[in-house]
Amino acid sequence: MARVNFIERWTTLTERLAGVGQWLAPLGLRVILAWEFFEAGREKLHGDNWFASIQTEFPFPFNIVPASLSWTMATWSELLLGIALLIGLGTRFAAFGLFVLTVVATAAVHWPDNWMGVSQLLQGYAISDMGRGNYKLPVIFLAMLLPLILLGAGKLSLDALLARALRVGETRPFVDMIGWGIVLVALGLPLAMLLPLPGLALAGLGVALLVLRGIVLR
């Protein structure tokens, strides 16, 4: 009996914490990330364009884009998408845009050169100003952006306000093949800039799920 009461109380507590978490947990991620990206954009806005010196390091197709255009795109993406994260407007789009931007920056600046094997790759998981091979902070940002891409801005956001006003809401199946397919393709393709085989494998799995779901629906 005591065990049942403990389980019931624990379940009630976790449900209450989850309810509060829908308001506060995404907000913390949004505020920290908005600050970091906005500051990076502001520094670029008032700084000199150094992208020309690393133009060849950018992954395709960004290595064929003029450095001046890449600098402008990066600057205003960090500024505008950072603001979007802060107020929670178009949060999934903003977070995904910053996810791609971070992957490109990691490939161009932070990813180690000519690494051989996982053990050598892990040596670059550090925070330093020693140049390439210091990708710890970008990876942390990617991990922080992922919940916002998948779960959205939370209840304390303009997205939630608009959703309530439009009464947007729909029940999804437990195993949503379309949802998984979209996510795997959307995340696999950018990650392929850093890890080609794993990234393309994830994207391929996503395409397979979408195709399979289309066959099932026929």
Protein backbone atom coordinates (compact mmCIF):
# COMPACT_ATOMS: atom_id res chain seq x y z
CA MET A 1 0.00 0.00 0.00
CA ALA A 2 2.78 2.39 0.95
CA ARG A 3 4.56 1.55 -2.30
CA VAL A 4 1.43 2.35 -4.32
CA ASN A 5 1.05 5.69 -2.54
CA PHE A 6 4.71 6.52 -3.20
CA ILE A 7 4.34 5.71 -6.90
CA GLU A 8 1.16 7.80 -7.15
CA ARG A 9 2.79 10.76 -5.41
CA TRP A 10 5.93 10.44 -7.51
CA THR A 11 3.84 10.31 -10.68
CA THR A 12 1.90 13.39 -9.58
CA LEU A 13 5.14 15.22 -8.80
CA THR A 14 6.72 14.39 -12.15
CA GLU A 15 3.56 15.47 -13.97
CA ARG A 16 3.62 18.80 -12.14
CA LEU A 17 7.32 19.28 -12.90
CA ALA A 18 6.70 18.42 -16.55
CA GLY A 19 3.88 20.97 -16.64
CA VAL A 20 6.14 23.70 -15.29
CA GLY A 21 8.92 22.51 -17.57
CA GLN A 22 6.79 23.22 -20.63
CA TRP A 23 6.95 26.88 -19.59
CA LEU A 24 10.49 27.24 -18.27
CA ALA A 25 12.78 24.57 -19.75
CA PRO A 26 12.69 25.76 -23.39
CA LEU A 27 12.85 29.38 -22.22
CA GLY A 28 16.24 28.80 -20.59
CA LEU A 29 17.64 27.30 -23.78
CA ARG A 30 16.18 30.09 -25.89
CA VAL A 31 17.60 32.90 -23.74
CA ILE A 32 21.13 31.47 -23.54
CA LEU A 33 21.29 30.61 -27.24
CA ALA A 34 19.74 33.92 -28.29
CA TRP A 35 22.39 35.80 -26.30
CA GLU A 36 25.28 33.76 -27.71
CA PHE A 37 24.22 33.98 -31.35
CA PHE A 38 23.15 37.62 -31.16
CA GLU A 39 26.51 38.55 -29.65
CA ALA A 40 28.32 36.64 -32.39
CA GLY A 41 26.25 38.45 -35.02
CA ARG A 42 26.87 41.83 -33.40
CA GLU A 43 30.62 41.24 -33.39
CA LYS A 44 30.51 40.39 -37.09
CA LEU A 45 28.38 43.46 -37.81
CA HIS A 46 31.02 45.73 -36.30
CA GLY A 47 34.05 43.66 -37.27
CA ASP A 48 36.09 42.85 -40.36
CA ASN A 49 35.21 40.07 -42.75
CA TRP A 50 37.73 37.27 -42.23
CA PHE A 51 35.77 34.63 -44.16
CA ALA A 52 37.91 35.15 -47.27
CA SER A 53 40.89 33.63 -45.46
CA ILE A 54 38.99 30.36 -44.81
CA GLN A 55 36.85 30.27 -47.96
CA THR A 56 38.24 26.92 -49.06
CA GLU A 57 37.51 25.38 -45.67
CA PHE A 58 33.75 25.83 -45.95
CA PRO A 59 31.79 22.70 -46.91
CA PHE A 60 29.98 22.57 -50.25
CA PRO A 61 28.03 24.57 -51.37
CA PHE A 62 29.20 27.33 -49.03
CA ASN A 63 32.76 27.16 -50.38
CA ILE A 64 31.59 28.53 -53.73
CA VAL A 65 29.56 31.39 -52.25
CA PRO A 66 31.41 34.76 -52.24
CA ALA A 67 32.96 35.48 -48.85
CA SER A 68 31.18 38.83 -48.63
CA LEU A 69 27.80 37.15 -49.12
CA SER A 70 28.62 34.40 -46.60
CA TRP A 71 29.64 37.04 -44.06
CA THR A 72 26.41 38.99 -44.56
CA MET A 73 24.27 35.84 -44.36
CA ALA A 74 26.02 34.65 -41.19
CA THR A 75 25.80 38.07 -39.56
CA TRP A 76 22.11 38.63 -40.12
CA SER A 77 21.19 35.01 -39.51
CA GLU A 78 22.77 35.21 -36.05
CA LEU A 79 21.13 38.55 -35.30
CA LEU A 80 17.62 37.89 -36.60
CA LEU A 81 17.34 34.22 -35.69
CA GLY A 82 18.75 35.01 -32.26
CA ILE A 83 15.94 37.53 -31.72
CA ALA A 84 13.41 34.99 -33.02
CA LEU A 85 14.63 32.47 -30.44
CA LEU A 86 14.38 35.02 -27.65
CA ILE A 87 10.75 35.90 -28.32
CA GLY A 88 9.83 32.38 -29.41
CA LEU A 89 8.61 33.21 -32.91
CA GLY A 90 9.14 30.64 -35.65
CA THR A 91 11.30 28.84 -33.12
CA ARG A 92 11.74 25.56 -34.96
CA PHE A 93 12.75 27.39 -38.14
CA ALA A 94 15.12 29.69 -36.23
CA ALA A 95 16.71 26.83 -34.29
CA PHE A 96 17.19 24.75 -37.43
CA GLY A 97 18.73 27.71 -39.27
CA LEU A 98 21.19 28.21 -36.42
CA PHE A 99 21.82 24.46 -36.32
CA VAL A 100 22.92 24.50 -39.97
CA LEU A 101 24.95 27.67 -39.43
CA THR A 102 26.74 26.04 -36.46
CA VAL A 103 27.51 22.90 -38.45
CA VAL A 104 29.00 25.00 -41.27
CA ALA A 105 31.07 27.03 -38.79
CA THR A 106 32.27 23.84 -37.12
CA ALA A 107 33.33 22.34 -40.45
CA ALA A 108 35.13 25.53 -41.52
CA VAL A 109 36.80 26.59 -38.27
CA HIS A 110 36.56 24.06 -35.46
CA TRP A 111 36.73 20.58 -36.99
CA PRO A 112 40.15 18.85 -36.81
CA ASP A 113 42.25 18.38 -39.94
CA ASN A 114 42.91 14.90 -41.27
CA TRP A 115 41.78 13.01 -38.19
CA MET A 116 42.24 9.26 -38.19
CA GLY A 117 39.89 7.28 -35.99
CA VAL A 118 37.50 8.21 -33.21
CA SER A 119 40.20 8.57 -30.54
CA GLN A 120 42.00 11.24 -32.57
CA LEU A 121 38.74 12.99 -33.36
CA LEU A 122 37.84 13.16 -29.66
CA GLN A 123 41.03 15.08 -28.95
CA GLY A 124 39.41 18.06 -30.66
CA TYR A 125 36.52 18.01 -28.20
CA ALA A 126 37.92 20.98 -26.27
CA ILE A 127 37.31 24.66 -25.64
CA SER A 128 40.39 26.62 -26.67
CA ASP A 129 41.58 29.30 -29.05
CA MET A 130 44.16 27.06 -30.68
CA GLY A 131 42.38 26.96 -34.04
CA ARG A 132 40.95 23.86 -35.68
CA GLY A 133 40.08 20.96 -33.42
CA ASN A 134 38.21 22.90 -30.74
CA TYR A 135 34.63 21.91 -31.47
CA LYS A 136 33.32 21.34 -27.92
CA LEU A 137 31.35 24.59 -27.69
CA PRO A 138 29.66 24.22 -31.11
CA VAL A 139 28.63 20.67 -30.21
CA ILE A 140 27.10 21.97 -26.97
CA PHE A 141 25.17 24.55 -29.00
CA LEU A 142 23.94 21.84 -31.39
CA ALA A 143 22.73 19.75 -28.45
CA MET A 144 20.90 22.79 -27.02
CA LEU A 145 19.28 23.63 -30.36
CA LEU A 146 17.99 20.08 -30.90
CA PRO A 147 15.18 20.22 -28.26
CA LEU A 148 13.96 23.51 -29.71
CA ILE A 149 13.87 22.00 -33.22
CA LEU A 150 11.94 18.94 -32.06
CA LEU A 151 9.77 20.33 -29.24
CA GLY A 152 9.42 24.00 -30.10
CA ALA A 153 9.57 27.10 -27.95
CA GLY A 154 7.41 25.96 -25.04
CA LYS A 155 4.35 27.69 -23.64
CA LEU A 156 6.04 30.99 -22.79
CA SER A 157 6.46 32.09 -26.40
CA LEU A 158 4.77 33.84 -29.29
CA ASP A 159 4.55 30.48 -31.07
CA ALA A 160 2.39 29.09 -28.25
CA LEU A 161 0.27 32.24 -28.21
CA LEU A 162 -0.37 31.99 -31.94
CA ALA A 163 -1.10 28.27 -31.68
CA ARG A 164 -3.71 28.91 -28.97
CA ALA A 165 -5.24 31.71 -31.02
CA LEU A 166 -5.46 29.48 -34.09
CA ARG A 167 -6.37 26.40 -32.01
CA VAL A 168 -3.65 24.38 -33.70
CA GLY A 169 -3.29 20.85 -32.34
CA GLU A 170 -3.44 17.35 -33.71
CA THR A 171 -2.91 13.90 -32.26
CA ARG A 172 -0.05 11.98 -33.84
CA PRO A 173 0.50 8.21 -33.84
CA PHE A 174 2.95 6.80 -31.31
CA VAL A 175 5.37 5.86 -34.10
CA ASP A 176 5.19 8.73 -36.56
CA MET A 177 7.13 7.53 -39.59
CA ILE A 178 6.63 10.81 -41.43
CA GLY A 179 7.86 12.82 -38.44
CA TRP A 180 10.91 10.60 -37.97
CA GLY A 181 11.61 10.69 -41.69
CA ILE A 182 11.55 14.47 -41.86
CA VAL A 183 13.75 14.83 -38.77
CA LEU A 184 16.34 12.31 -39.97
CA VAL A 185 16.62 13.95 -43.39
CA ALA A 186 16.71 17.49 -41.97
CA LEU A 187 19.42 16.68 -39.42
CA GLY A 188 21.34 14.06 -41.42
CA LEU A 189 22.14 16.31 -44.38
CA PRO A 190 23.80 19.11 -42.34
CA LEU A 191 25.67 16.57 -40.19
CA ALA A 192 27.04 15.02 -43.38
CA MET A 193 29.23 18.13 -43.69
CA LEU A 194 31.15 16.90 -40.63
CA LEU A 195 30.66 13.12 -40.77
CA PRO A 196 29.70 12.22 -44.36
CA LEU A 197 28.85 8.54 -43.94
CA PRO A 198 26.83 8.76 -40.68
CA GLY A 199 25.06 11.91 -41.87
CA LEU A 200 24.10 10.46 -45.23
CA ALA A 201 23.06 7.21 -43.55
CA LEU A 202 20.66 9.10 -41.28
CA ALA A 203 19.29 11.06 -44.23
CA GLY A 204 18.91 7.85 -46.25
CA LEU A 205 17.06 6.19 -43.38
CA GLY A 206 14.75 9.21 -43.23
CA VAL A 207 14.03 8.97 -46.95
CA ALA A 208 13.35 5.24 -46.57
CA LEU A 209 10.84 5.91 -43.79
CA LEU A 210 9.06 8.54 -45.89
CA VAL A 211 8.92 6.22 -48.88
CA LEU A 212 7.72 3.31 -46.72
CA ARG A 213 5.04 5.46 -45.15
CA GLY A 214 3.91 6.54 -48.61
CA ILE A 215 3.61 2.90 -49.68
CA VAL A 216 1.60 2.07 -46.54
CA LEU A 217 -0.80 4.93 -47.19
CA ARG A 218 -1.59 3.74 -50.71
